[in-house]
N, C-alpha and C. Protein backbone atom coordinates (compact mmCIF):
# COMPACT_ATOMS: atom_id res chain seq x y z
N MET A 1 18.41 93.40 -20.05
CA MET A 1 17.88 94.70 -20.50
C MET A 1 17.94 94.74 -22.03
N GLY A 2 18.95 95.41 -22.55
CA GLY A 2 19.19 95.43 -23.98
C GLY A 2 18.10 96.08 -24.80
N ASN A 3 17.27 95.26 -25.44
CA ASN A 3 16.36 95.78 -26.45
C ASN A 3 14.96 96.10 -25.96
N ARG A 4 14.82 96.46 -24.72
CA ARG A 4 13.48 96.79 -24.24
C ARG A 4 12.95 97.99 -25.02
N LYS A 5 11.69 97.89 -25.42
CA LYS A 5 11.08 99.00 -26.14
C LYS A 5 10.87 100.17 -25.18
N VAL A 6 10.91 101.37 -25.73
CA VAL A 6 10.62 102.56 -24.94
C VAL A 6 9.16 102.51 -24.52
N ARG A 7 8.91 102.77 -23.24
CA ARG A 7 7.56 102.69 -22.69
C ARG A 7 6.91 104.07 -22.72
N VAL A 8 5.76 104.14 -23.38
CA VAL A 8 5.02 105.40 -23.51
C VAL A 8 3.64 105.23 -22.86
N LEU A 9 3.31 106.13 -21.96
CA LEU A 9 1.99 106.14 -21.34
C LEU A 9 1.14 107.19 -22.05
N VAL A 10 0.05 106.75 -22.67
CA VAL A 10 -0.89 107.65 -23.33
C VAL A 10 -2.08 107.82 -22.40
N VAL A 11 -2.41 109.08 -22.12
CA VAL A 11 -3.53 109.38 -21.21
C VAL A 11 -4.57 110.16 -22.01
N ASP A 12 -5.67 109.49 -22.33
CA ASP A 12 -6.72 110.14 -23.12
C ASP A 12 -8.02 109.36 -22.93
N ASP A 13 -9.14 110.07 -22.92
CA ASP A 13 -10.43 109.39 -22.75
C ASP A 13 -11.16 109.20 -24.07
N ASP A 14 -10.51 109.54 -25.18
CA ASP A 14 -11.12 109.42 -26.51
C ASP A 14 -10.70 108.08 -27.14
N GLU A 15 -11.67 107.16 -27.24
CA GLU A 15 -11.34 105.81 -27.72
C GLU A 15 -10.80 105.81 -29.15
N VAL A 16 -11.34 106.69 -29.98
CA VAL A 16 -10.87 106.76 -31.37
C VAL A 16 -9.42 107.21 -31.40
N LEU A 17 -9.11 108.21 -30.60
CA LEU A 17 -7.73 108.70 -30.55
C LEU A 17 -6.78 107.63 -30.00
N ILE A 18 -7.24 106.88 -29.03
CA ILE A 18 -6.39 105.80 -28.48
C ILE A 18 -6.03 104.81 -29.59
N GLU A 19 -6.99 104.51 -30.45
CA GLU A 19 -6.70 103.60 -31.58
C GLU A 19 -5.66 104.22 -32.51
N ILE A 20 -5.75 105.53 -32.73
CA ILE A 20 -4.76 106.22 -33.58
C ILE A 20 -3.38 106.12 -32.93
N TYR A 21 -3.33 106.36 -31.62
CA TYR A 21 -2.05 106.22 -30.90
C TYR A 21 -1.48 104.81 -31.08
N ARG A 22 -2.36 103.81 -30.98
CA ARG A 22 -1.88 102.41 -31.11
C ARG A 22 -1.20 102.19 -32.45
N VAL A 23 -1.74 102.80 -33.52
CA VAL A 23 -1.15 102.67 -34.85
C VAL A 23 0.14 103.49 -34.94
N PHE A 24 0.06 104.74 -34.53
CA PHE A 24 1.22 105.64 -34.64
C PHE A 24 2.40 105.15 -33.80
N LEU A 25 2.10 104.59 -32.64
CA LEU A 25 3.16 104.25 -31.68
C LEU A 25 3.35 102.73 -31.56
N ARG A 26 3.12 102.04 -32.66
CA ARG A 26 3.21 100.57 -32.62
C ARG A 26 4.61 100.06 -32.28
N ASP A 27 5.63 100.89 -32.47
CA ASP A 27 7.00 100.45 -32.18
C ASP A 27 7.40 100.66 -30.72
N PHE A 28 6.45 101.14 -29.92
CA PHE A 28 6.74 101.39 -28.50
C PHE A 28 5.96 100.42 -27.62
N ASP A 29 6.39 100.33 -26.38
CA ASP A 29 5.63 99.59 -25.38
C ASP A 29 4.58 100.57 -24.87
N LEU A 30 3.35 100.42 -25.36
CA LEU A 30 2.31 101.42 -25.14
C LEU A 30 1.42 101.05 -23.97
N LEU A 31 1.26 102.00 -23.06
CA LEU A 31 0.33 101.86 -21.93
C LEU A 31 -0.77 102.89 -22.11
N ILE A 32 -1.99 102.54 -21.73
CA ILE A 32 -3.12 103.44 -21.91
C ILE A 32 -3.78 103.71 -20.55
N ALA A 33 -4.07 104.98 -20.30
CA ALA A 33 -4.89 105.36 -19.15
C ALA A 33 -5.98 106.29 -19.67
N THR A 34 -7.20 106.17 -19.14
CA THR A 34 -8.30 106.95 -19.69
C THR A 34 -8.72 108.12 -18.81
N ASN A 35 -8.02 108.31 -17.69
CA ASN A 35 -8.23 109.52 -16.90
C ASN A 35 -6.97 109.78 -16.06
N GLY A 36 -6.92 110.94 -15.44
CA GLY A 36 -5.72 111.33 -14.71
C GLY A 36 -5.38 110.43 -13.55
N GLU A 37 -6.40 109.94 -12.87
CA GLU A 37 -6.16 109.06 -11.72
C GLU A 37 -5.47 107.77 -12.17
N GLU A 38 -5.99 107.17 -13.24
CA GLU A 38 -5.35 105.96 -13.81
C GLU A 38 -3.92 106.27 -14.23
N ALA A 39 -3.73 107.46 -14.79
CA ALA A 39 -2.40 107.85 -15.27
C ALA A 39 -1.39 107.89 -14.12
N VAL A 40 -1.80 108.47 -13.00
CA VAL A 40 -0.89 108.58 -11.85
C VAL A 40 -0.53 107.18 -11.35
N ARG A 41 -1.52 106.30 -11.25
CA ARG A 41 -1.25 104.91 -10.81
C ARG A 41 -0.35 104.19 -11.80
N ALA A 42 -0.66 104.31 -13.09
CA ALA A 42 0.14 103.62 -14.12
C ALA A 42 1.57 104.14 -14.13
N TYR A 43 1.72 105.43 -13.94
CA TYR A 43 3.07 106.01 -13.94
C TYR A 43 3.90 105.42 -12.80
N LYS A 44 3.32 105.41 -11.61
CA LYS A 44 4.05 104.89 -10.43
C LYS A 44 4.45 103.44 -10.64
N PHE A 45 3.55 102.67 -11.23
CA PHE A 45 3.78 101.23 -11.36
C PHE A 45 4.74 100.91 -12.50
N PHE A 46 4.55 101.54 -13.67
CA PHE A 46 5.29 101.15 -14.88
C PHE A 46 6.48 102.04 -15.20
N LYS A 47 6.56 103.22 -14.60
CA LYS A 47 7.67 104.16 -14.84
C LYS A 47 7.99 104.34 -16.33
N PRO A 48 7.02 104.80 -17.12
CA PRO A 48 7.29 104.99 -18.55
C PRO A 48 8.32 106.09 -18.78
N GLU A 49 8.99 106.02 -19.92
CA GLU A 49 9.99 107.05 -20.25
C GLU A 49 9.33 108.37 -20.60
N ILE A 50 8.10 108.30 -21.12
CA ILE A 50 7.42 109.51 -21.57
C ILE A 50 5.92 109.35 -21.41
N VAL A 51 5.24 110.45 -21.14
CA VAL A 51 3.79 110.46 -20.96
C VAL A 51 3.19 111.45 -21.95
N LEU A 52 2.17 111.01 -22.69
CA LEU A 52 1.42 111.90 -23.57
C LEU A 52 0.08 112.15 -22.88
N MET A 53 -0.13 113.38 -22.42
CA MET A 53 -1.22 113.70 -21.49
C MET A 53 -2.27 114.61 -22.12
N ASP A 54 -3.49 114.11 -22.18
CA ASP A 54 -4.62 114.95 -22.57
C ASP A 54 -4.94 115.88 -21.40
N ILE A 55 -5.66 116.97 -21.65
CA ILE A 55 -6.02 117.86 -20.54
C ILE A 55 -7.43 117.55 -20.03
N SER A 56 -8.41 117.58 -20.93
CA SER A 56 -9.81 117.44 -20.50
C SER A 56 -10.20 115.98 -20.41
N MET A 57 -10.33 115.49 -19.16
CA MET A 57 -10.71 114.09 -18.93
C MET A 57 -11.55 114.01 -17.67
N PRO A 58 -12.33 112.93 -17.56
CA PRO A 58 -13.12 112.74 -16.33
C PRO A 58 -12.22 112.36 -15.15
N VAL A 59 -12.78 112.36 -13.98
CA VAL A 59 -12.15 111.96 -12.71
C VAL A 59 -11.06 112.94 -12.27
N MET A 60 -9.96 113.01 -13.03
CA MET A 60 -8.87 113.94 -12.73
C MET A 60 -8.34 114.42 -14.07
N ASP A 61 -8.27 115.74 -14.26
CA ASP A 61 -7.81 116.24 -15.56
C ASP A 61 -6.29 116.15 -15.68
N GLY A 62 -5.81 116.48 -16.88
CA GLY A 62 -4.39 116.33 -17.17
C GLY A 62 -3.49 117.25 -16.36
N VAL A 63 -4.01 118.43 -15.99
CA VAL A 63 -3.21 119.37 -15.21
C VAL A 63 -2.94 118.79 -13.82
N GLU A 64 -3.99 118.30 -13.16
CA GLU A 64 -3.83 117.68 -11.83
C GLU A 64 -2.95 116.44 -11.90
N ALA A 65 -3.18 115.61 -12.92
CA ALA A 65 -2.41 114.38 -13.06
C ALA A 65 -0.93 114.70 -13.26
N THR A 66 -0.63 115.72 -14.06
CA THR A 66 0.75 116.13 -14.30
C THR A 66 1.41 116.53 -12.98
N LYS A 67 0.71 117.34 -12.19
CA LYS A 67 1.25 117.77 -10.89
C LYS A 67 1.52 116.57 -9.98
N GLU A 68 0.57 115.63 -9.96
CA GLU A 68 0.71 114.44 -9.10
C GLU A 68 1.90 113.58 -9.52
N ILE A 69 2.03 113.34 -10.82
CA ILE A 69 3.13 112.51 -11.32
C ILE A 69 4.46 113.17 -10.98
N LEU A 70 4.55 114.48 -11.21
CA LEU A 70 5.82 115.19 -10.96
C LEU A 70 6.14 115.27 -9.47
N LYS A 71 5.14 115.24 -8.64
CA LYS A 71 5.38 115.21 -7.19
C LYS A 71 6.15 113.94 -6.84
N GLY A 72 5.75 112.82 -7.46
CA GLY A 72 6.40 111.54 -7.20
C GLY A 72 7.70 111.37 -7.95
N ASP A 73 7.82 111.98 -9.12
CA ASP A 73 9.02 111.85 -9.95
C ASP A 73 9.27 113.17 -10.68
N PRO A 74 10.08 114.05 -10.08
CA PRO A 74 10.33 115.37 -10.68
C PRO A 74 10.97 115.29 -12.07
N ASN A 75 11.52 114.13 -12.44
CA ASN A 75 12.14 113.99 -13.76
C ASN A 75 11.21 113.41 -14.82
N ALA A 76 9.95 113.20 -14.47
CA ALA A 76 9.00 112.65 -15.44
C ALA A 76 8.93 113.54 -16.67
N VAL A 77 8.88 112.90 -17.84
CA VAL A 77 8.76 113.65 -19.10
C VAL A 77 7.29 113.56 -19.54
N ILE A 78 6.59 114.69 -19.39
CA ILE A 78 5.17 114.74 -19.71
C ILE A 78 4.95 115.73 -20.84
N ILE A 79 4.30 115.26 -21.90
CA ILE A 79 3.98 116.09 -23.05
C ILE A 79 2.47 116.25 -23.09
N GLY A 80 2.01 117.48 -23.11
CA GLY A 80 0.58 117.72 -23.22
C GLY A 80 0.13 117.55 -24.66
N VAL A 81 -1.03 116.91 -24.84
CA VAL A 81 -1.62 116.76 -26.17
C VAL A 81 -3.07 117.18 -26.03
N THR A 82 -3.44 118.29 -26.65
CA THR A 82 -4.79 118.80 -26.43
C THR A 82 -5.36 119.54 -27.62
N ALA A 83 -6.66 119.48 -27.75
CA ALA A 83 -7.35 120.26 -28.77
C ALA A 83 -7.47 121.72 -28.32
N PHE A 84 -7.20 121.94 -27.04
CA PHE A 84 -7.36 123.28 -26.46
C PHE A 84 -6.00 123.89 -26.14
N ALA A 85 -5.03 123.67 -27.04
CA ALA A 85 -3.65 124.08 -26.75
C ALA A 85 -3.55 125.56 -26.39
N THR A 86 -4.29 126.40 -27.09
CA THR A 86 -4.15 127.83 -26.82
C THR A 86 -4.78 128.20 -25.48
N GLN A 87 -5.98 127.68 -25.20
CA GLN A 87 -6.64 128.05 -23.95
C GLN A 87 -5.99 127.38 -22.73
N ARG A 88 -5.70 126.09 -22.81
CA ARG A 88 -5.31 125.36 -21.62
C ARG A 88 -3.86 124.88 -21.62
N GLY A 89 -3.18 125.06 -22.75
CA GLY A 89 -1.80 124.59 -22.86
C GLY A 89 -0.90 125.17 -21.78
N ASN A 90 -1.07 126.46 -21.49
CA ASN A 90 -0.22 127.09 -20.47
C ASN A 90 -0.44 126.50 -19.09
N GLU A 91 -1.67 126.11 -18.79
CA GLU A 91 -1.93 125.46 -17.50
C GLU A 91 -1.08 124.21 -17.36
N LEU A 92 -1.00 123.45 -18.45
CA LEU A 92 -0.24 122.21 -18.42
C LEU A 92 1.26 122.49 -18.31
N LEU A 93 1.73 123.51 -19.04
CA LEU A 93 3.15 123.88 -18.95
C LEU A 93 3.48 124.37 -17.54
N ASN A 94 2.58 125.15 -16.96
CA ASN A 94 2.80 125.64 -15.59
C ASN A 94 2.80 124.50 -14.59
N ALA A 95 2.07 123.44 -14.90
CA ALA A 95 2.04 122.27 -14.01
C ALA A 95 3.31 121.43 -14.15
N GLY A 96 4.10 121.69 -15.22
CA GLY A 96 5.36 120.97 -15.35
C GLY A 96 5.54 120.19 -16.64
N ALA A 97 4.56 120.22 -17.53
CA ALA A 97 4.72 119.54 -18.82
C ALA A 97 5.87 120.18 -19.59
N LYS A 98 6.60 119.37 -20.35
CA LYS A 98 7.76 119.85 -21.10
C LYS A 98 7.36 120.62 -22.34
N GLU A 99 6.19 120.28 -22.88
CA GLU A 99 5.77 120.83 -24.17
C GLU A 99 4.29 120.50 -24.32
N VAL A 100 3.60 121.27 -25.16
CA VAL A 100 2.20 120.97 -25.47
C VAL A 100 2.05 120.95 -26.98
N ILE A 101 1.44 119.88 -27.49
CA ILE A 101 1.15 119.84 -28.92
C ILE A 101 -0.36 119.79 -29.10
N GLY A 102 -0.81 120.30 -30.24
CA GLY A 102 -2.24 120.38 -30.50
C GLY A 102 -2.78 119.13 -31.16
N LYS A 103 -4.07 118.91 -30.96
CA LYS A 103 -4.80 117.90 -31.73
C LYS A 103 -5.53 118.66 -32.82
N PRO A 104 -5.72 118.09 -33.99
CA PRO A 104 -5.19 116.79 -34.39
C PRO A 104 -3.69 116.88 -34.70
N PHE A 105 -3.00 115.76 -34.54
CA PHE A 105 -1.57 115.71 -34.84
C PHE A 105 -1.35 114.57 -35.83
N ASN A 106 -0.19 114.55 -36.46
CA ASN A 106 0.11 113.42 -37.35
C ASN A 106 1.21 112.56 -36.72
N ARG A 107 1.47 111.43 -37.33
CA ARG A 107 2.45 110.48 -36.78
C ARG A 107 3.84 111.11 -36.70
N LYS A 108 4.21 111.85 -37.74
CA LYS A 108 5.54 112.46 -37.79
C LYS A 108 5.73 113.40 -36.59
N THR A 109 4.74 114.24 -36.32
CA THR A 109 4.83 115.19 -35.20
C THR A 109 5.01 114.45 -33.88
N ILE A 110 4.19 113.45 -33.64
CA ILE A 110 4.22 112.77 -32.35
C ILE A 110 5.55 112.03 -32.18
N LEU A 111 6.06 111.42 -33.25
CA LEU A 111 7.34 110.71 -33.16
C LEU A 111 8.50 111.68 -32.95
N GLU A 112 8.45 112.84 -33.60
CA GLU A 112 9.50 113.85 -33.41
C GLU A 112 9.54 114.34 -31.97
N VAL A 113 8.36 114.59 -31.41
CA VAL A 113 8.28 115.08 -30.02
C VAL A 113 8.85 114.03 -29.07
N ILE A 114 8.43 112.78 -29.23
CA ILE A 114 8.93 111.71 -28.36
C ILE A 114 10.44 111.60 -28.48
N SER A 115 10.93 111.57 -29.71
CA SER A 115 12.36 111.39 -29.94
C SER A 115 13.15 112.55 -29.34
N ARG A 116 12.67 113.77 -29.51
CA ARG A 116 13.36 114.94 -28.97
C ARG A 116 13.47 114.86 -27.44
N HIS A 117 12.39 114.49 -26.79
CA HIS A 117 12.41 114.46 -25.33
C HIS A 117 13.16 113.26 -24.77
N LEU A 118 13.17 112.16 -25.49
CA LEU A 118 13.97 111.02 -25.04
C LEU A 118 15.45 111.34 -25.15
N ASN A 119 15.83 112.07 -26.20
CA ASN A 119 17.24 112.47 -26.34
C ASN A 119 17.65 113.39 -25.21
N PHE A 120 16.77 114.33 -24.84
CA PHE A 120 17.07 115.21 -23.70
C PHE A 120 17.32 114.38 -22.47
N ARG A 121 16.48 113.38 -22.28
CA ARG A 121 16.55 112.57 -21.08
C ARG A 121 17.86 111.81 -21.01
N GLU A 122 18.28 111.25 -22.16
CA GLU A 122 19.54 110.49 -22.18
C GLU A 122 20.74 111.39 -21.87
N VAL A 123 20.67 112.61 -22.34
CA VAL A 123 21.77 113.55 -22.10
C VAL A 123 21.87 113.86 -20.59
N LYS A 124 20.70 114.05 -19.96
CA LYS A 124 20.68 114.45 -18.56
C LYS A 124 21.15 113.34 -17.62
N SER A 125 20.81 112.09 -17.95
CA SER A 125 21.06 111.03 -16.96
C SER A 125 22.52 110.60 -16.92
């Protein structure tokens, strides 16, 4: 075990944003899913420590995907990331997301959010 990188699942259908995530989160073991259905499968298989979940996506949106992931793992740490934080953020929180941050975001914000929720997780376990 030892030095395994923290595994982060990014769920977003925006290719440009995925590239930004790759740069911002280069120090993590990064997994990418481009819709909610892929996210649910990737979560079950890879068990990431944290999920960054977009809301508006094809196939299955972030709200449904969040509910599905939490059904399988009630301790999943899911952070909503959306341009529609005010309109749809509450839907994601009601589905079980720990927090919702708005787009656009900067590297500092995303790293602070990840770090805060990973610390919570370590305390709980």
